[in-house]
Amino acid sequence: MSTATDTKRKAPAGERVADWADGRLGIYSLAKANMRKIFPDHWSFMLGEVALYSFIIIILTGVYLTLFFHPSMNEVVYHGSYEPMQGIRMSEAYASTLDISFDIRGGLLVRQIHHWAALIFLAAMFVHMMRVFFTGAFRKPREINWLFGFLLFVLGMFTGFTGYSLPDDLLSGTGVRFTQGAILATPIVGTYISMFLFGGEFPGGDFVARFYSIHILLLPGIMLGLVVAHLILVFFHKHTQFAGPGRTNKNVVGMPLLPIYMAKAGGFFFLVFGVIAVIAAIASINPIWAIGPYRPDQVSTGAQPDWYMGFAEGLIRVMPGWEINLWGHTLVLGVFIPLMAFGLVLAVIAVYPFIESWVTGDKREHHILDRPRNAPTRTAFGVAWITEYIVVFIGGGNDLWATHFDLSLNSISWFVRIFIFVGPVLAFLVTKRICLGLQRRDREKVLHGRESGIIKRLPHGEFVEIHEPLNPAQLHTLTAHEQYKPVEIGPTVDENGVERKVPAMQRLRAKLSKGYFGEHNQIEKPTAEEYKEITSGHGHH
């Protein structure tokens, strides 16, 4: 008598779990559609990855630090392991930071990784945004993503400020006092904002707790949402790429997300983490035990903010101490004007993609990047802005420049006041000339080939240098860019001789467009007819 047996193989547990999850979440179909998505390969694209990985490191180390930090300004007497501070009255915030640094296993290293990661995050964001700006990656359809990145940078600045203010040491307290004075200079709302942040007259008793909530909850939460939205848009719009053979606005040439890109990205994350950890282990930053706790009647020598706040501080330092009295109220122009200038600069950076789109009248989608030399006006604007930042940053550290180089503080301030206007103009003109020179060089290279360094003597005695023709890929790279024509107003008089009124905005747009793309603002790239005529006539010499 035989018995029937079930010969059907039972699926492994892992496969059954995957099937269960896929039936409810649709993971397989989602992965199948997106895991082979193509990403282009270029070293400059890694700048954004450095910023992303630094942000992740900030979150991870920040979670560890919150377990031991006490955001309180209640005064205590220190009895920890750091002998020089024994018996000194300080806030709980400062005492807990000392405990993290000297009594918590790995606390000082994690503190320094957290601080260095914040600096590198903002530096990477800055350089990444400059790459996006100079290559025109902000154009349609990525204007919203540019705004997301800009907001991430600005929120990162304020997150960093609230973070280095939490230990309540003398250096950070001096910076908070400086900020509170700037807030009070804001007409009408300044006193209300100050009261909201500090809970009374400075320094109050609540600002550490309030900054703590802002630093670990409000700003990181918004930033995390912006990061996710930014990555979703990058995934949705597909990645930009530089011009090259086979690359168009309708495709992407590169490597698949899985497994190649994911493997490279994972390795690069640990590389960034390792580099930041090494820097944190060998380079001390914010040694609060050497500075001491904050006292309202003291100021730290050589007090400087982190680099990303140097622009705002430099504007205030070099501004003359102007004041005016209106209806019994004093308006401190020496602080209010720099604050407005700082906000205006940030606003122009934020809306620049829309300004350029309006000037050019270009509403098409762009997935191919510009070489900076082929957009000389935009590149010159970017270099002028960086020059402006460097000049004002010098003003933000005018006391250190004076002491380290034995210079007059007033001389440095006047240098900054002058070059804050002259420097960007010079940088704009020089950069534009360099870009046009590089365009001419590219034109010559396309028409006559690359210099080989080989000298040949012709039968009649003339010496010439042999030029090597460029290969098709090189020719494509040097000639793939578009060249815009300036927007024209058109005839101001119709066929009946009646003069039409041209709106002021239309005239402004025409002037700006001429400034971008008019005569002496771009070099005409060689045409196919010119190339054929030269190469078929006498070859490359």
Protein backbone atom coordinates (compact mmCIF):
# COMPACT_ATOMS: atom_id res chain seq x y z
CA MET A 1 0.00 0.00 0.00
CA SER A 2 1.51 3.35 -1.08
CA THR A 3 1.00 6.75 0.52
CA ALA A 4 0.79 10.01 -1.38
CA THR A 5 3.46 12.50 -0.40
CA ASP A 6 3.63 16.24 -1.05
CA THR A 7 6.69 16.78 -3.22
CA LYS A 8 6.22 20.59 -3.55
CA ARG A 9 9.27 22.44 -2.18
CA LYS A 10 8.61 24.96 0.60
CA ALA A 11 10.07 28.45 -0.07
CA PRO A 12 12.82 29.69 2.28
CA ALA A 13 11.72 31.96 5.12
CA GLY A 14 13.42 35.02 3.63
CA GLU A 15 11.68 34.56 0.30
CA ARG A 16 8.30 34.15 2.02
CA VAL A 17 8.85 37.40 3.96
CA ALA A 18 9.80 39.19 0.74
CA ASP A 19 6.70 37.88 -1.04
CA TRP A 20 4.51 38.95 1.90
CA ALA A 21 5.99 42.49 1.89
CA ASP A 22 5.78 42.78 -1.90
CA GLY A 23 2.11 41.79 -1.90
CA ARG A 24 1.31 44.68 0.44
CA LEU A 25 3.86 47.36 -0.46
CA GLY A 26 4.71 46.69 -4.10
CA ILE A 27 8.43 46.76 -3.32
CA TYR A 28 9.49 44.44 -6.17
CA SER A 29 7.80 46.40 -8.93
CA LEU A 30 9.09 49.68 -7.49
CA ALA A 31 12.64 48.32 -7.26
CA LYS A 32 12.47 46.78 -10.73
CA ALA A 33 11.52 50.13 -12.21
CA ASN A 34 14.11 52.22 -10.39
CA MET A 35 17.08 50.15 -9.23
CA ARG A 36 18.56 50.17 -12.73
CA LYS A 37 18.21 53.92 -13.10
CA ILE A 38 21.27 55.42 -14.82
CA PHE A 39 23.51 57.98 -13.11
CA PRO A 40 26.28 59.85 -14.97
CA ASP A 41 29.82 59.66 -13.66
CA HIS A 42 31.78 62.87 -13.00
CA TRP A 43 33.90 63.88 -10.02
CA SER A 44 31.98 67.14 -9.46
CA PHE A 45 28.75 65.22 -8.77
CA MET A 46 30.40 63.84 -5.63
CA LEU A 47 30.28 67.29 -4.00
CA GLY A 48 26.58 66.83 -3.32
CA GLU A 49 27.29 63.37 -1.92
CA VAL A 50 29.84 64.83 0.52
CA ALA A 51 27.13 67.22 1.76
CA LEU A 52 24.58 64.38 2.09
CA TYR A 53 26.95 62.06 3.95
CA SER A 54 28.09 64.86 6.26
CA PHE A 55 24.44 65.53 7.09
CA ILE A 56 23.93 61.86 7.95
CA ILE A 57 27.01 61.95 10.19
CA ILE A 58 25.66 65.07 11.91
CA ILE A 59 22.38 63.28 12.66
CA LEU A 60 24.09 60.15 13.98
CA THR A 61 26.53 61.98 16.25
CA GLY A 62 23.84 64.45 17.32
CA VAL A 63 21.64 61.61 18.60
CA TYR A 64 24.55 60.38 20.74
CA LEU A 65 25.24 63.85 22.17
CA THR A 66 21.59 64.46 23.13
CA LEU A 67 21.77 61.52 25.52
CA PHE A 68 24.25 63.33 27.77
CA PHE A 69 23.69 67.08 27.22
CA HIS A 70 21.60 69.04 29.75
CA PRO A 71 20.05 72.13 28.08
CA SER A 72 19.70 74.18 31.23
CA MET A 73 21.09 77.51 32.37
CA ASN A 74 20.68 76.67 36.06
CA GLU A 75 23.94 77.43 37.86
CA VAL A 76 25.94 74.61 39.40
CA VAL A 77 29.40 74.28 40.96
CA TYR A 78 31.67 72.06 38.87
CA HIS A 79 33.19 69.00 40.55
CA GLY A 80 34.11 66.95 37.49
CA SER A 81 37.36 65.39 36.38
CA TYR A 82 38.78 68.51 34.71
CA GLU A 83 40.90 69.93 37.53
CA PRO A 84 41.36 73.57 36.34
CA MET A 85 37.56 74.09 36.51
CA GLN A 86 37.07 72.66 40.00
CA GLY A 87 34.78 74.81 42.16
CA ILE A 88 33.81 77.26 39.38
CA ARG A 89 30.16 78.25 39.02
CA MET A 90 28.74 77.55 35.57
CA SER A 91 25.53 76.58 33.83
CA GLU A 92 24.41 72.97 33.60
CA ALA A 93 24.80 73.21 29.83
CA TYR A 94 28.48 74.08 30.16
CA ALA A 95 29.07 71.48 32.89
CA SER A 96 27.43 68.72 30.85
CA THR A 97 29.55 69.65 27.84
CA LEU A 98 32.66 69.29 30.02
CA ASP A 99 31.35 65.90 31.17
CA ILE A 100 30.83 64.82 27.55
CA SER A 101 34.38 65.92 26.73
CA PHE A 102 36.17 64.31 29.71
CA ASP A 103 33.93 61.73 31.39
CA ILE A 104 31.80 60.11 28.65
CA ARG A 105 33.57 57.36 26.74
CA GLY A 106 34.23 58.68 23.23
CA GLY A 107 32.37 61.89 24.03
CA LEU A 108 35.06 64.34 22.96
CA LEU A 109 35.65 62.50 19.68
CA VAL A 110 31.91 62.44 18.91
CA ARG A 111 31.64 66.16 19.80
CA GLN A 112 34.45 67.00 17.42
CA ILE A 113 33.10 64.75 14.65
CA HIS A 114 29.75 66.52 15.05
CA HIS A 115 31.30 69.98 14.80
CA TRP A 116 33.66 69.15 11.93
CA ALA A 117 30.85 67.41 10.02
CA ALA A 118 28.73 70.56 10.36
CA LEU A 119 31.52 72.71 8.92
CA ILE A 120 32.17 70.26 6.09
CA PHE A 121 28.44 69.94 5.37
CA LEU A 122 28.10 73.68 4.83
CA ALA A 123 31.36 73.88 2.87
CA ALA A 124 30.24 71.01 0.63
CA MET A 125 26.83 72.64 0.19
CA PHE A 126 28.50 75.91 -0.80
CA VAL A 127 30.82 74.29 -3.36
CA HIS A 128 28.00 72.05 -4.65
CA MET A 129 25.76 75.09 -5.20
CA MET A 130 28.60 76.85 -7.01
CA ARG A 131 28.98 73.80 -9.28
CA VAL A 132 25.24 73.89 -9.98
CA PHE A 133 25.40 77.65 -10.61
CA PHE A 134 28.44 77.69 -12.91
CA THR A 135 27.18 74.77 -15.04
CA GLY A 136 23.60 76.02 -15.33
CA ALA A 137 22.15 72.94 -13.62
CA PHE A 138 19.50 75.16 -11.99
CA ARG A 139 17.61 75.73 -15.25
CA LYS A 140 14.19 74.27 -16.02
CA PRO A 141 12.97 71.90 -14.61
CA ARG A 142 15.28 72.23 -11.56
CA GLU A 143 14.45 75.73 -10.30
CA ILE A 144 12.51 74.32 -7.33
CA ASN A 145 15.39 72.00 -6.48
CA TRP A 146 17.71 75.02 -6.47
CA LEU A 147 15.41 76.65 -3.92
CA PHE A 148 15.46 73.48 -1.83
CA GLY A 149 19.25 73.46 -1.87
CA PHE A 150 19.40 77.16 -1.03
CA LEU A 151 17.05 76.69 1.93
CA LEU A 152 19.14 73.75 3.11
CA PHE A 153 22.23 75.96 3.12
CA VAL A 154 20.53 78.84 4.95
CA LEU A 155 18.90 76.54 7.51
CA GLY A 156 22.26 74.80 7.94
CA MET A 157 23.80 78.17 8.81
CA PHE A 158 21.26 78.81 11.56
CA THR A 159 21.41 75.20 12.76
CA GLY A 160 25.17 75.57 13.11
CA PHE A 161 24.77 78.86 14.96
CA THR A 162 22.29 77.41 17.46
CA GLY A 163 24.52 74.33 17.85
CA TYR A 164 27.75 76.10 18.78
CA SER A 165 25.76 78.39 21.12
CA LEU A 166 24.53 75.48 23.27
CA PRO A 167 27.67 74.87 25.41
CA ASP A 168 27.23 78.34 26.95
CA ASP A 169 30.97 79.02 26.91
CA LEU A 170 32.51 82.47 26.69
CA LEU A 171 33.12 82.28 22.92
CA SER A 172 29.61 81.13 21.97
CA GLY A 173 28.08 83.53 24.50
CA THR A 174 29.88 86.42 22.83
CA GLY A 175 28.42 85.34 19.50
CA VAL A 176 24.93 85.09 20.99
CA ARG A 177 25.34 88.59 22.48
CA PHE A 178 26.37 89.88 19.05
CA THR A 179 23.32 88.25 17.46
CA GLN A 180 20.99 89.64 20.11
CA GLY A 181 22.29 93.14 19.42
CA ALA A 182 21.66 92.65 15.70
CA ILE A 183 18.12 91.45 16.43
CA LEU A 184 17.42 94.52 18.58
CA ALA A 185 18.50 96.77 15.70
CA THR A 186 15.52 95.53 13.67
CA PRO A 187 12.78 98.17 13.84
CA ILE A 188 9.44 97.33 15.48
CA VAL A 189 9.82 93.55 15.71
CA GLY A 190 13.37 93.35 17.08
CA THR A 191 12.44 93.58 20.76
CA TYR A 192 9.69 90.98 20.35
CA ILE A 193 12.04 88.50 18.61
CA SER A 194 14.67 89.03 21.31
CA MET A 195 12.11 88.43 24.06
CA PHE A 196 10.88 85.29 22.28
CA LEU A 197 14.39 83.82 21.99
CA PHE A 198 15.86 84.84 25.35
CA GLY A 199 12.82 84.97 27.61
CA GLY A 200 13.75 88.39 28.99
CA GLU A 201 16.73 90.69 29.11
CA PHE A 202 19.91 89.10 27.79
CA PRO A 203 21.09 86.52 28.58
CA GLY A 204 17.81 85.47 30.20
CA GLY A 205 17.37 82.05 31.66
CA ASP A 206 15.84 80.09 28.82
CA PHE A 207 17.81 80.66 25.63
CA VAL A 208 19.86 77.43 25.86
CA ALA A 209 16.69 75.34 26.24
CA ARG A 210 15.01 77.22 23.39
CA PHE A 211 18.04 76.98 21.12
CA TYR A 212 18.25 73.28 22.00
CA SER A 213 14.69 72.64 20.80
CA ILE A 214 15.35 74.62 17.63
CA HIS A 215 18.67 72.85 17.07
CA ILE A 216 17.61 69.23 17.53
CA LEU A 217 13.96 69.31 16.44
CA LEU A 218 12.73 72.24 14.38
CA LEU A 219 15.60 72.98 11.99
CA PRO A 220 16.83 69.37 11.49
CA GLY A 221 13.25 68.24 10.86
CA ILE A 222 12.77 70.84 8.15
CA MET A 223 16.21 70.07 6.70
CA LEU A 224 15.52 66.35 6.63
CA GLY A 225 12.28 67.00 4.74
CA LEU A 226 14.14 69.23 2.26
CA VAL A 227 16.84 66.60 1.76
CA VAL A 228 14.22 63.94 0.97
CA ALA A 229 12.37 66.31 -1.38
CA HIS A 230 15.66 67.28 -3.03
CA LEU A 231 16.62 63.64 -3.66
CA ILE A 232 13.14 62.79 -4.94
CA LEU A 233 13.34 65.61 -7.48
CA VAL A 234 16.86 64.53 -8.52
CA PHE A 235 15.51 61.01 -9.06
CA PHE A 236 12.41 62.27 -10.87
CA HIS A 237 14.08 64.78 -13.19
CA LYS A 238 17.08 62.45 -13.79
CA HIS A 239 20.61 63.67 -13.27
CA THR A 240 22.23 66.35 -15.38
CA GLN A 241 25.30 65.44 -17.44
CA PHE A 242 28.07 67.18 -19.33
CA ALA A 243 28.01 67.30 -23.11
CA GLY A 244 29.56 64.33 -24.88
CA PRO A 245 28.99 61.78 -27.63
CA GLY A 246 25.59 60.16 -27.36
CA ARG A 247 24.39 62.49 -24.61
CA THR A 248 21.22 64.44 -25.26
CA ASN A 249 18.44 66.09 -23.29
CA LYS A 250 16.43 62.87 -23.68
CA ASN A 251 18.87 60.30 -22.26
CA VAL A 252 21.48 59.73 -19.54
CA VAL A 253 24.83 58.04 -20.18
CA GLY A 254 26.39 56.47 -17.12
CA MET A 255 26.17 53.55 -14.72
CA PRO A 256 23.12 51.83 -13.17
CA LEU A 257 22.08 52.64 -9.62
CA LEU A 258 22.35 48.98 -8.59
CA PRO A 259 24.88 47.51 -8.12
CA ILE A 260 27.64 49.81 -9.44
CA TYR A 261 26.54 53.24 -8.23
CA MET A 262 25.30 51.96 -4.86
CA ALA A 263 28.61 50.20 -4.24
CA LYS A 264 30.57 53.33 -5.08
CA ALA A 265 28.25 55.52 -2.97
CA GLY A 266 28.50 53.16 0.01
CA GLY A 267 32.28 53.14 -0.16
CA PHE A 268 32.39 56.89 -0.53
CA PHE A 269 30.19 57.33 2.57
CA PHE A 270 32.67 55.41 4.72
CA LEU A 271 35.53 57.34 3.12
CA VAL A 272 33.90 60.67 4.06
CA PHE A 273 33.12 59.37 7.55
CA GLY A 274 36.72 58.19 7.95
CA VAL A 275 38.23 61.47 6.81
CA ILE A 276 35.99 63.48 9.17
CA ALA A 277 36.85 61.12 12.04
CA VAL A 278 40.59 61.51 11.38
CA ILE A 279 40.26 65.30 11.27
CA ALA A 280 38.25 65.26 14.50
CA ALA A 281 40.84 63.01 16.18
CA ILE A 282 43.88 65.17 15.34
CA ALA A 283 42.49 68.73 15.06
CA SER A 284 40.89 70.25 18.14
CA ILE A 285 37.87 72.47 17.56
CA ASN A 286 35.90 74.55 20.06
CA PRO A 287 37.90 73.61 23.19
CA ILE A 288 35.44 75.13 25.65
CA TRP A 289 37.56 74.12 28.68
CA ALA A 290 40.25 76.57 27.50
CA ILE A 291 37.73 79.41 27.14
CA GLY A 292 35.63 79.16 30.28
CA PRO A 293 31.92 79.59 30.98
CA TYR A 294 30.02 82.61 29.70
CA ARG A 295 29.87 85.77 31.79
CA PRO A 296 27.89 88.78 30.55
CA ASP A 297 30.64 91.17 31.70
CA GLN A 298 33.42 89.40 29.77
CA VAL A 299 34.33 89.05 26.09
CA SER A 300 36.47 86.30 24.62
CA THR A 301 39.66 87.50 22.93
CA GLY A 302 39.65 86.99 19.15
CA ALA A 303 36.01 85.91 19.15
CA GLN A 304 35.11 84.68 15.66
CA PRO A 305 32.05 82.86 14.33
CA ASP A 306 32.29 79.75 12.18
CA TRP A 307 33.20 80.57 8.58
CA TYR A 308 29.64 80.56 7.22
CA MET A 309 28.63 83.44 9.53
CA GLY A 310 31.69 85.51 8.64
CA PHE A 311 29.85 87.32 5.86
CA ALA A 312 27.14 88.70 8.14
CA GLU A 313 29.60 89.66 10.88
CA GLY A 314 31.96 91.30 8.38
CA LEU A 315 29.19 93.52 7.03
CA ILE A 316 28.36 94.76 10.52
CA ARG A 317 32.01 95.26 11.54
CA VAL A 318 32.95 97.47 8.60
CA MET A 319 29.71 99.46 8.48
CA PRO A 320 30.06 102.98 9.96
CA GLY A 321 28.17 103.46 13.22
CA TRP A 322 25.35 105.53 11.73
CA GLU A 323 22.22 106.27 13.76
CA ILE A 324 19.12 108.36 13.18
CA ASN A 325 16.35 109.38 15.59
CA LEU A 326 12.75 109.21 14.39
CA TRP A 327 9.78 110.12 16.60
CA GLY A 328 11.75 109.45 19.74
CA HIS A 329 13.14 106.12 18.53
CA THR A 330 16.74 105.41 17.53
CA LEU A 331 17.31 103.46 14.32
CA VAL A 332 20.79 101.87 14.35
CA LEU A 333 21.67 101.99 10.65
CA GLY A 334 25.15 100.64 11.36
CA VAL A 335 23.54 97.27 12.10
CA PHE A 336 20.22 97.44 10.27
CA ILE A 337 21.68 98.23 6.82
CA PRO A 338 24.15 95.28 6.88
CA LEU A 339 21.32 92.95 7.93
CA MET A 340 19.19 94.15 5.03
CA ALA A 341 22.15 93.82 2.63
CA PHE A 342 22.78 90.27 3.85
CA GLY A 343 19.11 89.36 3.30
CA LEU A 344 19.10 91.00 -0.14
CA VAL A 345 22.16 89.05 -1.26
CA LEU A 346 20.56 85.79 -0.13
CA ALA A 347 17.29 86.67 -1.88
CA VAL A 348 19.07 87.38 -5.20
CA ILE A 349 20.90 84.05 -4.98
CA ALA A 350 17.61 82.26 -4.32
CA VAL A 351 15.72 83.74 -7.29
CA TYR A 352 18.62 83.85 -9.78
CA PRO A 353 17.30 80.89 -11.86
CA PHE A 354 14.07 82.79 -12.46
CA ILE A 355 15.97 85.99 -13.31
CA GLU A 356 18.11 84.24 -15.92
CA SER A 357 15.10 82.45 -17.39
CA TRP A 358 13.30 85.79 -17.74
CA VAL A 359 16.33 87.49 -19.32
CA THR A 360 16.99 84.73 -21.85
CA GLY A 361 13.35 83.90 -22.54
CA ASP A 362 14.39 80.24 -22.51
CA LYS A 363 11.54 78.04 -21.22
CA ARG A 364 12.91 74.71 -22.47
CA GLU A 365 14.09 71.83 -20.30
CA HIS A 366 17.86 71.50 -19.91
CA HIS A 367 19.59 68.28 -18.91
CA ILE A 368 22.97 69.01 -20.53
CA LEU A 369 25.30 71.17 -18.45
CA ASP A 370 27.15 74.25 -19.65
CA ARG A 371 30.89 74.60 -19.50
CA PRO A 372 31.41 77.74 -17.37
CA ARG A 373 33.45 79.42 -20.13
CA ASN A 374 30.48 79.20 -22.51
CA ALA A 375 28.32 81.29 -20.13
CA PRO A 376 30.80 84.12 -19.41
CA THR A 377 28.32 86.57 -17.86
CA ARG A 378 26.87 84.01 -15.47
CA THR A 379 30.36 82.77 -14.55
CA ALA A 380 31.53 86.33 -13.98
CA PHE A 381 28.58 86.96 -11.66
CA GLY A 382 29.45 83.85 -9.67
CA VAL A 383 33.11 84.80 -9.27
CA ALA A 384 32.10 88.36 -8.34
CA TRP A 385 29.87 86.99 -5.58
CA ILE A 386 32.65 84.76 -4.24
CA THR A 387 35.02 87.75 -4.29
CA GLU A 388 32.46 89.79 -2.37
CA TYR A 389 32.22 87.04 0.22
CA ILE A 390 36.01 86.81 0.64
CA VAL A 391 36.39 90.58 1.03
CA VAL A 392 33.61 90.81 3.63
CA PHE A 393 34.96 87.72 5.38
CA ILE A 394 38.25 89.58 5.83
CA GLY A 395 36.24 92.34 7.50
CA GLY A 396 34.67 89.77 9.81
CA GLY A 397 38.13 88.90 11.14
CA ASN A 398 39.67 92.36 10.98
CA ASP A 399 40.99 92.11 14.55
CA LEU A 400 42.88 88.89 13.80
CA TRP A 401 44.30 90.28 10.57
CA ALA A 402 45.47 93.32 12.51
CA THR A 403 47.15 91.38 15.32
CA HIS A 404 48.66 88.59 13.20
CA PHE A 405 50.07 90.82 10.45
CA ASP A 406 50.73 93.94 12.52
CA LEU A 407 48.30 96.05 10.51
CA SER A 408 46.05 98.94 11.44
CA LEU A 409 42.50 97.89 12.29
CA ASN A 410 41.14 101.05 10.67
CA SER A 411 43.18 100.42 7.51
CA ILE A 412 41.71 96.93 7.19
CA SER A 413 38.18 98.28 7.70
CA TRP A 414 38.68 100.95 5.03
CA PHE A 415 40.17 98.37 2.66
CA VAL A 416 37.04 96.25 3.05
CA ARG A 417 34.73 99.27 2.69
CA ILE A 418 36.37 100.17 -0.63
CA PHE A 419 36.85 96.69 -2.08
CA ILE A 420 33.35 95.59 -1.13
CA PHE A 421 32.37 97.64 -4.21
CA VAL A 422 35.56 97.57 -6.30
CA GLY A 423 36.51 93.90 -5.81
CA PRO A 424 33.40 92.28 -7.34
CA VAL A 425 33.53 94.64 -10.34
CA LEU A 426 37.19 93.79 -11.04
CA ALA A 427 36.48 90.09 -10.56
CA PHE A 428 33.53 90.29 -12.97
CA LEU A 429 35.56 91.99 -15.71
CA VAL A 430 38.61 89.74 -15.35
CA THR A 431 36.54 86.54 -15.26
CA LYS A 432 34.57 87.55 -18.31
CA ARG A 433 37.75 88.26 -20.28
CA ILE A 434 39.20 84.89 -19.22
CA CYS A 435 36.04 83.07 -20.35
CA LEU A 436 36.07 84.83 -23.73
CA GLY A 437 39.76 84.00 -24.12
CA LEU A 438 39.05 80.33 -23.43
CA GLN A 439 36.21 80.42 -25.99
CA ARG A 440 38.63 81.79 -28.60
CA ARG A 441 41.09 79.06 -27.74
CA ASP A 442 38.37 76.42 -28.19
CA ARG A 443 37.42 77.92 -31.53
CA GLU A 444 41.02 77.78 -32.75
CA LYS A 445 41.38 74.24 -31.47
CA VAL A 446 38.29 73.10 -33.39
CA LEU A 447 39.38 74.75 -36.64
CA HIS A 448 43.11 74.06 -36.54
CA GLY A 449 43.54 71.15 -34.15
CA ARG A 450 45.65 70.70 -31.05
CA GLU A 451 49.24 71.90 -30.91
CA SER A 452 51.50 68.86 -31.03
CA GLY A 453 54.87 70.53 -30.27
CA ILE A 454 56.31 69.00 -33.48
CA ILE A 455 58.06 71.52 -35.78
CA LYS A 456 58.20 70.76 -39.50
CA ARG A 457 60.21 72.52 -42.20
CA LEU A 458 58.38 73.07 -45.47
CA PRO A 459 60.15 72.74 -48.88
CA HIS A 460 60.44 76.53 -49.25
CA GLY A 461 62.14 76.86 -45.85
CA GLU A 462 59.21 77.89 -43.65
CA PHE A 463 58.95 76.29 -40.21
CA VAL A 464 55.45 75.36 -39.01
CA GLU A 465 54.07 73.47 -36.05
CA ILE A 466 52.07 70.36 -36.79
CA HIS A 467 48.55 70.48 -35.36
CA GLU A 468 46.78 67.24 -34.55
CA PRO A 469 43.09 67.10 -35.57
CA LEU A 470 40.64 66.57 -32.74
CA ASN A 471 38.70 63.34 -32.61
CA PRO A 472 34.90 63.47 -33.07
CA ALA A 473 34.26 63.22 -29.31
CA GLN A 474 36.46 66.26 -28.62
CA LEU A 475 34.87 68.20 -31.46
CA HIS A 476 31.42 67.45 -30.07
CA THR A 477 32.35 68.58 -26.56
CA LEU A 478 33.75 71.90 -27.82
CA THR A 479 30.83 72.70 -30.14
CA ALA A 480 27.78 71.20 -28.42
CA HIS A 481 26.85 74.33 -26.46
CA GLU A 482 24.03 76.61 -27.53
CA GLN A 483 24.50 80.30 -28.25
CA TYR A 484 21.63 82.60 -27.43
CA LYS A 485 20.69 85.73 -29.30
CA PRO A 486 19.79 88.88 -27.36
CA VAL A 487 16.09 89.61 -26.94
CA GLU A 488 15.11 92.44 -29.28
CA ILE A 489 12.49 95.09 -28.59
CA GLY A 490 11.61 95.25 -32.27
CA PRO A 491 10.46 98.29 -34.24
CA THR A 492 8.98 101.03 -32.07
CA VAL A 493 7.02 102.49 -34.99
CA ASP A 494 4.34 100.48 -36.82
CA GLU A 495 3.63 100.45 -40.56
CA ASN A 496 1.40 103.49 -40.17
CA GLY A 497 4.13 105.55 -38.55
CA VAL A 498 2.51 105.42 -35.12
CA GLU A 499 5.01 105.06 -32.30
CA ARG A 500 4.15 102.35 -29.84
CA LYS A 501 4.93 102.57 -26.16
CA VAL A 502 7.48 100.02 -24.99
CA PRO A 503 6.92 98.91 -21.38
CA ALA A 504 9.76 99.66 -19.00
CA MET A 505 10.19 95.99 -18.05
CA GLN A 506 10.51 95.04 -21.71
CA ARG A 507 13.24 97.64 -22.22
CA LEU A 508 15.02 96.41 -19.09
CA ARG A 509 14.84 92.83 -20.26
CA ALA A 510 16.29 93.76 -23.66
CA LYS A 511 19.20 95.61 -22.03
CA LEU A 512 19.95 92.74 -19.67
CA SER A 513 19.72 90.23 -22.51
CA LYS A 514 22.16 92.31 -24.55
CA GLY A 515 24.48 92.38 -21.56
CA TYR A 516 24.31 88.59 -21.38
CA PHE A 517 24.52 87.64 -25.05
CA GLY A 518 25.24 90.78 -27.06
CA GLU A 519 28.40 91.77 -28.89
CA HIS A 520 31.63 91.15 -26.94
CA ASN A 521 29.79 88.79 -24.57
CA GLN A 522 30.32 85.54 -26.44
CA ILE A 523 32.54 84.22 -29.22
CA GLU A 524 30.76 82.68 -32.18
CA LYS A 525 31.52 78.99 -32.28
CA PRO A 526 32.79 77.62 -35.62
CA THR A 527 30.24 76.33 -38.08
CA ALA A 528 30.41 73.03 -39.93
CA GLU A 529 31.07 74.94 -43.17
CA GLU A 530 34.09 76.74 -41.66
CA TYR A 531 35.47 73.46 -40.36
CA LYS A 532 35.09 71.73 -43.73
CA GLU A 533 36.64 74.66 -45.61
CA ILE A 534 39.74 74.74 -43.42
CA THR A 535 40.27 70.99 -43.10
CA SER A 536 39.71 70.31 -46.79
CA GLY A 537 41.82 73.25 -47.98
CA HIS A 538 45.24 72.94 -46.40
CA GLY A 539 44.91 70.55 -43.50
CA HIS A 540 46.03 71.18 -39.94
CA HIS A 541 49.28 73.10 -39.67
